[in-house]
């Protein structure tokens, strides 16, 4: 009886560790405050099972966010004669 309890605890710990490793890209995205963290979480959740999806999510989570660009439009109404 005691060995079954230890086995169940071991399985539970293994599942928690595996889930933690699986969601590393999402954890990184949320902890670093990425602007697209929900998209990274969705990618990680639905395509993370494939190695390619997990690596893409990890690269996306660790990449630098693009800073918003300021665009200045100069509409001068002066006409040269």
PDB file of N, CA and C in Angstrom:
ATOM      1  N   UNK A   1       0.822  -1.197   0.000  1.00  0.00           N
ATOM      2  CA  UNK A   1       0.000   0.000   0.000  1.00  0.00           C
ATOM      3  C   UNK A   1       0.862   1.256   0.000  1.00  0.00           C
ATOM      4  N   UNK A   2       1.941   1.231   0.746  1.00  0.00           N
ATOM      5  CA  UNK A   2       2.830   2.384   0.847  1.00  0.00           C
ATOM      6  C   UNK A   2       3.524   2.662  -0.483  1.00  0.00           C
ATOM      7  N   UNK A   3       3.895   1.610  -1.216  1.00  0.00           N
ATOM      8  CA  UNK A   3       4.591   1.819  -2.486  1.00  0.00           C
ATOM      9  C   UNK A   3       3.658   2.417  -3.538  1.00  0.00           C
ATOM     10  N   UNK A   4       2.362   2.122  -3.471  1.00  0.00           N
ATOM     11  CA  UNK A   4       1.409   2.706  -4.418  1.00  0.00           C
ATOM     12  C   UNK A   4       1.274   4.199  -4.178  1.00  0.00           C
ATOM     13  N   UNK A   5       1.290   4.620  -2.923  1.00  0.00           N
ATOM     14  CA  UNK A   5       1.204   6.039  -2.594  1.00  0.00           C
ATOM     15  C   UNK A   5       2.448   6.775  -3.073  1.00  0.00           C
ATOM     16  N   UNK A   6       3.585   6.201  -2.867  1.00  0.00           N
ATOM     17  CA  UNK A   6       4.837   6.813  -3.329  1.00  0.00           C
ATOM     18  C   UNK A   6       4.853   6.887  -4.845  1.00  0.00           C
ATOM     19  N   UNK A   7       4.355   5.853  -5.500  1.00  0.00           N
ATOM     20  CA  UNK A   7       4.283   5.852  -6.963  1.00  0.00           C
ATOM     21  C   UNK A   7       3.353   6.962  -7.458  1.00  0.00           C
ATOM     22  N   UNK A   8       2.194   7.129  -6.812  1.00  0.00           N
ATOM     23  CA  UNK A   8       1.261   8.189  -7.199  1.00  0.00           C
ATOM     24  C   UNK A   8       1.866   9.571  -6.992  1.00  0.00           C
ATOM     25  N   UNK A   9       2.588   9.759  -5.910  1.00  0.00           N
ATOM     26  CA  UNK A   9       3.257  11.043  -5.663  1.00  0.00           C
ATOM     27  C   UNK A   9       4.312  11.285  -6.732  1.00  0.00           C
ATOM     28  N   UNK A  10       5.061  10.248  -7.072  1.00  0.00           N
ATOM     29  CA  UNK A  10       6.085  10.371  -8.107  1.00  0.00           C
ATOM     30  C   UNK A  10       5.484  10.713  -9.460  1.00  0.00           C
ATOM     31  N   UNK A  11       4.365  10.098  -9.778  1.00  0.00           N
ATOM     32  CA  UNK A  11       3.686  10.400 -11.043  1.00  0.00           C
ATOM     33  C   UNK A  11       3.191  11.844 -11.029  1.00  0.00           C
ATOM     34  N   UNK A  12       2.617  12.277  -9.913  1.00  0.00           N
ATOM     35  CA  UNK A  12       2.137  13.658  -9.797  1.00  0.00           C
ATOM     36  C   UNK A  12       3.250  14.671  -9.959  1.00  0.00           C
ATOM     37  N   UNK A  13       4.376  14.414  -9.315  1.00  0.00           N
ATOM     38  CA  UNK A  13       5.532  15.311  -9.449  1.00  0.00           C
ATOM     39  C   UNK A  13       6.039  15.309 -10.884  1.00  0.00           C
ATOM     40  N   UNK A  14       6.068  14.147 -11.505  1.00  0.00           N
ATOM     41  CA  UNK A  14       6.509  14.051 -12.898  1.00  0.00           C
ATOM     42  C   UNK A  14       5.606  14.824 -13.842  1.00  0.00           C
ATOM     43  N   UNK A  15       4.299  14.755 -13.612  1.00  0.00           N
ATOM     44  CA  UNK A  15       3.353  15.499 -14.449  1.00  0.00           C
ATOM     45  C   UNK A  15       3.555  16.997 -14.263  1.00  0.00           C
ATOM     46  N   UNK A  16       3.725  17.452 -13.028  1.00  0.00           N
ATOM     47  CA  UNK A  16       3.935  18.883 -12.772  1.00  0.00           C
ATOM     48  C   UNK A  16       5.231  19.389 -13.394  1.00  0.00           C
ATOM     49  N   UNK A  17       6.289  18.622 -13.281  1.00  0.00           N
ATOM     50  CA  UNK A  17       7.573  19.023 -13.873  1.00  0.00           C
ATOM     51  C   UNK A  17       7.462  19.044 -15.394  1.00  0.00           C
ATOM     52  N   UNK A  18       6.801  18.046 -15.961  1.00  0.00           N
ATOM     53  CA  UNK A  18       6.633  18.006 -17.417  1.00  0.00           C
ATOM     54  C   UNK A  18       5.808  19.182 -17.910  1.00  0.00           C
ATOM     55  N   UNK A  19       4.731  19.513 -17.197  1.00  0.00           N
ATOM     56  CA  UNK A  19       3.910  20.661 -17.585  1.00  0.00           C
ATOM     57  C   UNK A  19       4.706  21.955 -17.479  1.00  0.00           C
ATOM     58  N   UNK A  20       5.515  22.070 -16.451  1.00  0.00           N
ATOM     59  CA  UNK A  20       6.360  23.260 -16.304  1.00  0.00           C
ATOM     60  C   UNK A  20       7.341  23.407 -17.456  1.00  0.00           C
ATOM     61  N   UNK A  21       7.956  22.304 -17.852  1.00  0.00           N
ATOM     62  CA  UNK A  21       8.891  22.345 -18.977  1.00  0.00           C
ATOM     63  C   UNK A  21       8.165  22.634 -20.288  1.00  0.00           C
ATOM     64  N   UNK A  22       6.978  22.071 -20.450  1.00  0.00           N
ATOM     65  CA  UNK A  22       6.194  22.259 -21.674  1.00  0.00           C
ATOM     66  C   UNK A  22       5.816  23.724 -21.854  1.00  0.00           C
ATOM     67  N   UNK A  23       5.475  24.388 -20.757  1.00  0.00           N
ATOM     68  CA  UNK A  23       5.001  25.772 -20.833  1.00  0.00           C
ATOM     69  C   UNK A  23       6.092  26.809 -20.567  1.00  0.00           C
ATOM     70  N   UNK A  24       7.358  26.442 -20.678  1.00  0.00           N
ATOM     71  CA  UNK A  24       8.454  27.404 -20.496  1.00  0.00           C
ATOM     72  C   UNK A  24       8.302  28.617 -21.421  1.00  0.00           C
ATOM     73  N   UNK A  25       7.988  28.462 -22.719  1.00  0.00           N
ATOM     74  CA  UNK A  25       7.818  29.655 -23.553  1.00  0.00           C
ATOM     75  C   UNK A  25       6.722  30.592 -23.042  1.00  0.00           C
ATOM     76  N   UNK A  26       5.610  30.038 -22.598  1.00  0.00           N
ATOM     77  CA  UNK A  26       4.517  30.869 -22.087  1.00  0.00           C
ATOM     78  C   UNK A  26       4.917  31.549 -20.784  1.00  0.00           C
ATOM     79  N   UNK A  27       5.605  30.834 -19.924  1.00  0.00           N
ATOM     80  CA  UNK A  27       6.059  31.412 -18.658  1.00  0.00           C
ATOM     81  C   UNK A  27       7.010  32.573 -18.923  1.00  0.00           C
ATOM     82  N   UNK A  28       7.925  32.392 -19.856  1.00  0.00           N
ATOM     83  CA  UNK A  28       8.867  33.464 -20.209  1.00  0.00           C
ATOM     84  C   UNK A  28       8.114  34.669 -20.759  1.00  0.00           C
ATOM     85  N   UNK A  29       7.132  34.418 -21.631  1.00  0.00           N
ATOM     86  CA  UNK A  29       6.370  35.514 -22.237  1.00  0.00           C
ATOM     87  C   UNK A  29       5.606  36.312 -21.183  1.00  0.00           C
ATOM     88  N   UNK A  30       4.962  35.636 -20.242  1.00  0.00           N
ATOM     89  CA  UNK A  30       4.190  36.336 -19.218  1.00  0.00           C
ATOM     90  C   UNK A  30       5.095  37.056 -18.224  1.00  0.00           C
ATOM     91  N   UNK A  31       6.216  36.445 -17.872  1.00  0.00           N
ATOM     92  CA  UNK A  31       7.109  37.081 -16.894  1.00  0.00           C
ATOM     93  C   UNK A  31       7.840  38.279 -17.477  1.00  0.00           C
ATOM     94  N   UNK A  32       8.088  38.264 -18.787  1.00  0.00           N
ATOM     95  CA  UNK A  32       8.790  39.385 -19.405  1.00  0.00           C
ATOM     96  C   UNK A  32       7.828  40.456 -19.914  1.00  0.00           C
ATOM     97  N   UNK A  33       6.524  40.225 -19.780  1.00  0.00           N
ATOM     98  CA  UNK A  33       5.540  41.230 -20.168  1.00  0.00           C
ATOM     99  C   UNK A  33       5.423  41.439 -21.664  1.00  0.00           C
ATOM    100  N   UNK A  34       5.535  40.357 -22.431  1.00  0.00           N
ATOM    101  CA  UNK A  34       5.420  40.468 -23.890  1.00  0.00           C
ATOM    102  C   UNK A  34       4.042  40.993 -24.266  1.00  0.00           C
ATOM    103  N   UNK A  35       3.983  41.808 -25.311  1.00  0.00           N
ATOM    104  CA  UNK A  35       2.711  42.376 -25.748  1.00  0.00           C
ATOM    105  C   UNK A  35       1.808  41.316 -26.374  1.00  0.00           C
ATOM    106  N   UNK A  36       2.383  40.235 -26.879  1.00  0.00           N
ATOM    107  CA  UNK A  36       1.605  39.183 -27.537  1.00  0.00           C
ATOM    108  C   UNK A  36       1.665  37.871 -26.743  1.00  0.00           C
ATOM    109  N   UNK A  37       1.621  37.980 -25.430  1.00  0.00           N
ATOM    110  CA  UNK A  37       1.761  36.796 -24.581  1.00  0.00           C
ATOM    111  C   UNK A  37       0.608  35.801 -24.738  1.00  0.00           C
ATOM    112  N   UNK A  38      -0.599  36.291 -25.042  1.00  0.00           N
ATOM    113  CA  UNK A  38      -1.730  35.380 -25.237  1.00  0.00           C
ATOM    114  C   UNK A  38      -1.526  34.549 -26.502  1.00  0.00           C
ATOM    115  N   UNK A  39      -1.028  35.165 -27.558  1.00  0.00           N
ATOM    116  CA  UNK A  39      -0.762  34.431 -28.804  1.00  0.00           C
ATOM    117  C   UNK A  39       0.327  33.379 -28.581  1.00  0.00           C
ATOM    118  N   UNK A  40       1.334  33.723 -27.792  1.00  0.00           N
ATOM    119  CA  UNK A  40       2.403  32.764 -27.487  1.00  0.00           C
ATOM    120  C   UNK A  40       1.837  31.602 -26.671  1.00  0.00           C
ATOM    121  N   UNK A  41       0.955  31.913 -25.716  1.00  0.00           N
ATOM    122  CA  UNK A  41       0.318  30.865 -24.919  1.00  0.00           C
ATOM    123  C   UNK A  41      -0.515  29.937 -25.796  1.00  0.00           C
ATOM    124  N   UNK A  42      -1.273  30.500 -26.727  1.00  0.00           N
ATOM    125  CA  UNK A  42      -2.089  29.673 -27.623  1.00  0.00           C
ATOM    126  C   UNK A  42      -1.222  28.799 -28.527  1.00  0.00           C
ATOM    127  N   UNK A  43      -0.162  29.383 -29.077  1.00  0.00           N
ATOM    128  CA  UNK A  43       0.764  28.602 -29.907  1.00  0.00           C
ATOM    129  C   UNK A  43       1.389  27.483 -29.091  1.00  0.00           C
ATOM    130  N   UNK A  44       1.827  27.815 -27.889  1.00  0.00           N
ATOM    131  CA  UNK A  44       2.465  26.831 -27.018  1.00  0.00           C
ATOM    132  C   UNK A  44       1.479  25.714 -26.635  1.00  0.00           C
ATOM    133  N   UNK A  45       0.239  26.095 -26.371  1.00  0.00           N
ATOM    134  CA  UNK A  45      -0.761  25.114 -25.950  1.00  0.00           C
ATOM    135  C   UNK A  45      -1.138  24.160 -27.082  1.00  0.00           C
ATOM    136  N   UNK A  46      -1.397  24.708 -28.265  1.00  0.00           N
ATOM    137  CA  UNK A  46      -1.936  23.883 -29.345  1.00  0.00           C
ATOM    138  C   UNK A  46      -0.875  23.277 -30.264  1.00  0.00           C
ATOM    139  N   UNK A  47       0.284  23.902 -30.385  1.00  0.00           N
ATOM    140  CA  UNK A  47       1.316  23.357 -31.271  1.00  0.00           C
ATOM    141  C   UNK A  47       2.615  23.020 -30.543  1.00  0.00           C
ATOM    142  N   UNK A  48       2.635  23.221 -29.240  1.00  0.00           N
ATOM    143  CA  UNK A  48       3.844  22.936 -28.476  1.00  0.00           C
ATOM    144  C   UNK A  48       4.195  21.462 -28.421  1.00  0.00           C
ATOM    145  N   UNK A  49       3.216  20.596 -28.660  1.00  0.00           N
ATOM    146  CA  UNK A  49       3.478  19.156 -28.633  1.00  0.00           C
ATOM    147  C   UNK A  49       4.462  18.757 -29.716  1.00  0.00           C
ATOM    148  N   UNK A  50       4.472  19.517 -30.816  1.00  0.00           N
ATOM    149  CA  UNK A  50       5.479  19.245 -31.844  1.00  0.00           C
ATOM    150  C   UNK A  50       6.719  20.056 -31.487  1.00  0.00           C
ATOM    151  N   UNK A  51       7.834  19.528 -31.736  1.00  0.00           N
ATOM    152  CA  UNK A  51       9.079  20.218 -31.378  1.00  0.00           C
ATOM    153  C   UNK A  51       9.181  21.559 -32.094  1.00  0.00           C
ATOM    154  N   UNK A  52       8.713  21.628 -33.325  1.00  0.00           N
ATOM    155  CA  UNK A  52       8.786  22.868 -34.097  1.00  0.00           C
ATOM    156  C   UNK A  52       7.920  23.949 -33.455  1.00  0.00           C
ATOM    157  N   UNK A  53       6.699  23.608 -33.077  1.00  0.00           N
ATOM    158  CA  UNK A  53       5.818  24.581 -32.431  1.00  0.00           C
ATOM    159  C   UNK A  53       6.380  25.081 -31.116  1.00  0.00           C
ATOM    160  N   UNK A  54       6.992  24.188 -30.348  1.00  0.00           N
ATOM    161  CA  UNK A  54       7.574  24.573 -29.063  1.00  0.00           C
ATOM    162  C   UNK A  54       8.758  25.514 -29.272  1.00  0.00           C
ATOM    163  N   UNK A  55       9.616  25.202 -30.245  1.00  0.00           N
ATOM    164  CA  UNK A  55      10.791  26.043 -30.520  1.00  0.00           C
ATOM    165  C   UNK A  55      10.356  27.412 -31.044  1.00  0.00           C
ATOM    166  N   UNK A  56       9.349  27.452 -31.924  1.00  0.00           N
ATOM    167  CA  UNK A  56       8.848  28.731 -32.431  1.00  0.00           C
ATOM    168  C   UNK A  56       8.299  29.571 -31.276  1.00  0.00           C
ATOM    169  N   UNK A  57       7.543  28.953 -30.378  1.00  0.00           N
ATOM    170  CA  UNK A  57       7.005  29.672 -29.227  1.00  0.00           C
ATOM    171  C   UNK A  57       8.130  30.185 -28.329  1.00  0.00           C
ATOM    172  N   UNK A  58       9.168  29.388 -28.145  1.00  0.00           N
ATOM    173  CA  UNK A  58      10.302  29.804 -27.315  1.00  0.00           C
ATOM    174  C   UNK A  58      11.054  30.971 -27.943  1.00  0.00           C
ATOM    175  N   UNK A  59      11.304  30.900 -29.237  1.00  0.00           N
ATOM    176  CA  UNK A  59      11.992  31.998 -29.929  1.00  0.00           C
ATOM    177  C   UNK A  59      11.154  33.265 -29.878  1.00  0.00           C
ATOM    178  N   UNK A  60       9.862  33.135 -30.097  1.00  0.00           N
ATOM    179  CA  UNK A  60       8.955  34.285 -30.060  1.00  0.00           C
ATOM    180  C   UNK A  60       8.916  34.890 -28.659  1.00  0.00           C
ATOM    181  N   UNK A  61       8.923  34.048 -27.647  1.00  0.00           N
ATOM    182  CA  UNK A  61       8.862  34.535 -26.266  1.00  0.00           C
ATOM    183  C   UNK A  61      10.143  35.250 -25.857  1.00  0.00           C
ATOM    184  N   UNK A  62      11.261  34.838 -26.415  1.00  0.00           N
ATOM    185  CA  UNK A  62      12.533  35.447 -26.023  1.00  0.00           C
ATOM    186  C   UNK A  62      12.970  36.580 -26.949  1.00  0.00           C
ATOM    187  N   UNK A  63      12.237  36.785 -28.050  1.00  0.00           N
ATOM    188  CA  UNK A  63      12.609  37.865 -28.967  1.00  0.00           C
ATOM    189  C   UNK A  63      12.191  39.211 -28.391  1.00  0.00           C
ATOM    190  N   UNK A  64      12.833  40.238 -28.870  1.00  0.00           N
ATOM    191  CA  UNK A  64      12.566  41.587 -28.391  1.00  0.00           C
ATOM    192  C   UNK A  64      11.296  42.127 -29.042  1.00  0.00           C
ATOM    193  N   UNK A  65      10.458  42.776 -28.229  1.00  0.00           N
ATOM    194  CA  UNK A  65       9.255  43.411 -28.772  1.00  0.00           C
ATOM    195  C   UNK A  65       9.641  44.591 -29.642  1.00  0.00           C
ATOM    196  N   UNK A  66       8.930  44.766 -30.743  1.00  0.00           N
ATOM    197  CA  UNK A  66       9.157  45.934 -31.579  1.00  0.00           C
ATOM    198  C   UNK A  66       8.596  47.165 -30.876  1.00  0.00           C
ATOM    199  N   UNK A  67       9.372  48.204 -30.854  1.00  0.00           N
ATOM    200  CA  UNK A  67       8.899  49.443 -30.262  1.00  0.00           C
ATOM    201  C   UNK A  67       7.966  50.138 -31.244  1.00  0.00           C
ATOM    202  N   UNK A  68       6.940  50.799 -30.730  1.00  0.00           N
ATOM    203  CA  UNK A  68       6.050  51.510 -31.649  1.00  0.00           C
ATOM    204  C   UNK A  68       6.799  52.621 -32.368  1.00  0.00           C
ATOM    205  N   UNK A  69       6.536  52.759 -33.641  1.00  0.00           N
ATOM    206  CA  UNK A  69       7.214  53.772 -34.428  1.00  0.00           C
ATOM    207  C   UNK A  69       6.324  54.992 -34.567  1.00  0.00           C
ATOM    208  N   UNK A  70       6.947  56.139 -34.500  1.00  0.00           N
ATOM    209  CA  UNK A  70       6.208  57.387 -34.671  1.00  0.00           C
ATOM    210  C   UNK A  70       6.369  57.834 -36.116  1.00  0.00           C
ATOM    211  N   UNK A  71       5.254  58.054 -36.766  1.00  0.00           N
ATOM    212  CA  UNK A  71       5.265  58.481 -38.160  1.00  0.00           C
ATOM    213  C   UNK A  71       4.812  59.931 -38.208  1.00  0.00           C
ATOM    214  N   UNK A  72       5.632  60.757 -38.814  1.00  0.00           N
ATOM    215  CA  UNK A  72       5.319  62.181 -38.937  1.00  0.00           C
ATOM    216  C   UNK A  72       4.978  62.463 -40.390  1.00  0.00           C
ATOM    217  N   UNK A  73       3.798  63.016 -40.601  1.00  0.00           N
ATOM    218  CA  UNK A  73       3.366  63.377 -41.955  1.00  0.00           C
ATOM    219  C   UNK A  73       3.342  64.889 -42.028  1.00  0.00           C
ATOM    220  N   UNK A  74       4.088  65.407 -42.953  1.00  0.00           N
ATOM    221  CA  UNK A  74       4.177  66.862 -43.118  1.00  0.00           C
ATOM    222  C   UNK A  74       3.314  67.262 -44.298  1.00  0.00           C
ATOM    223  N   UNK A  75       2.160  67.816 -44.016  1.00  0.00           N
ATOM    224  CA  UNK A  75       1.246  68.282 -45.057  1.00  0.00           C
ATOM    225  C   UNK A  75       1.318  69.805 -45.109  1.00  0.00           C
ATOM    226  N   UNK A  76       2.346  70.291 -45.705  1.00  0.00           N
ATOM    227  CA  UNK A  76       2.435  71.746 -45.800  1.00  0.00           C
ATOM    228  C   UNK A  76       1.567  72.211 -46.962  1.00  0.00           C
ATOM    229  N   UNK A  77       0.788  73.208 -46.691  1.00  0.00           N
ATOM    230  CA  UNK A  77      -0.121  73.705 -47.719  1.00  0.00           C
ATOM    231  C   UNK A  77       0.484  74.875 -48.503  1.00  0.00           C
ATOM    232  N   UNK A  78       1.711  75.142 -48.244  1.00  0.00           N
ATOM    233  CA  UNK A  78       2.350  76.249 -48.990  1.00  0.00           C
ATOM    234  C   UNK A  78       2.684  75.784 -50.403  1.00  0.00           C
ATOM    235  N   UNK A  79       2.384  76.617 -51.344  1.00  0.00           N
ATOM    236  CA  UNK A  79       2.678  76.312 -52.739  1.00  0.00           C
ATOM    237  C   UNK A  79       3.752  77.275 -53.229  1.00  0.00           C
ATOM    238  N   UNK A  80       4.614  76.769 -53.966  1.00  0.00           N
ATOM    239  CA  UNK A  80       5.701  77.608 -54.493  1.00  0.00           C
ATOM    240  C   UNK A  80       5.294  78.117 -55.871  1.00  0.00           C
ATOM    241  N   UNK A  81       5.380  79.424 -56.031  1.00  0.00           N
ATOM    242  CA  UNK A  81       5.008  80.003 -57.326  1.00  0.00           C
ATOM    243  C   UNK A  81       6.181  80.662 -57.973  1.00  0.00           C
TER     244      UNK A  81
END
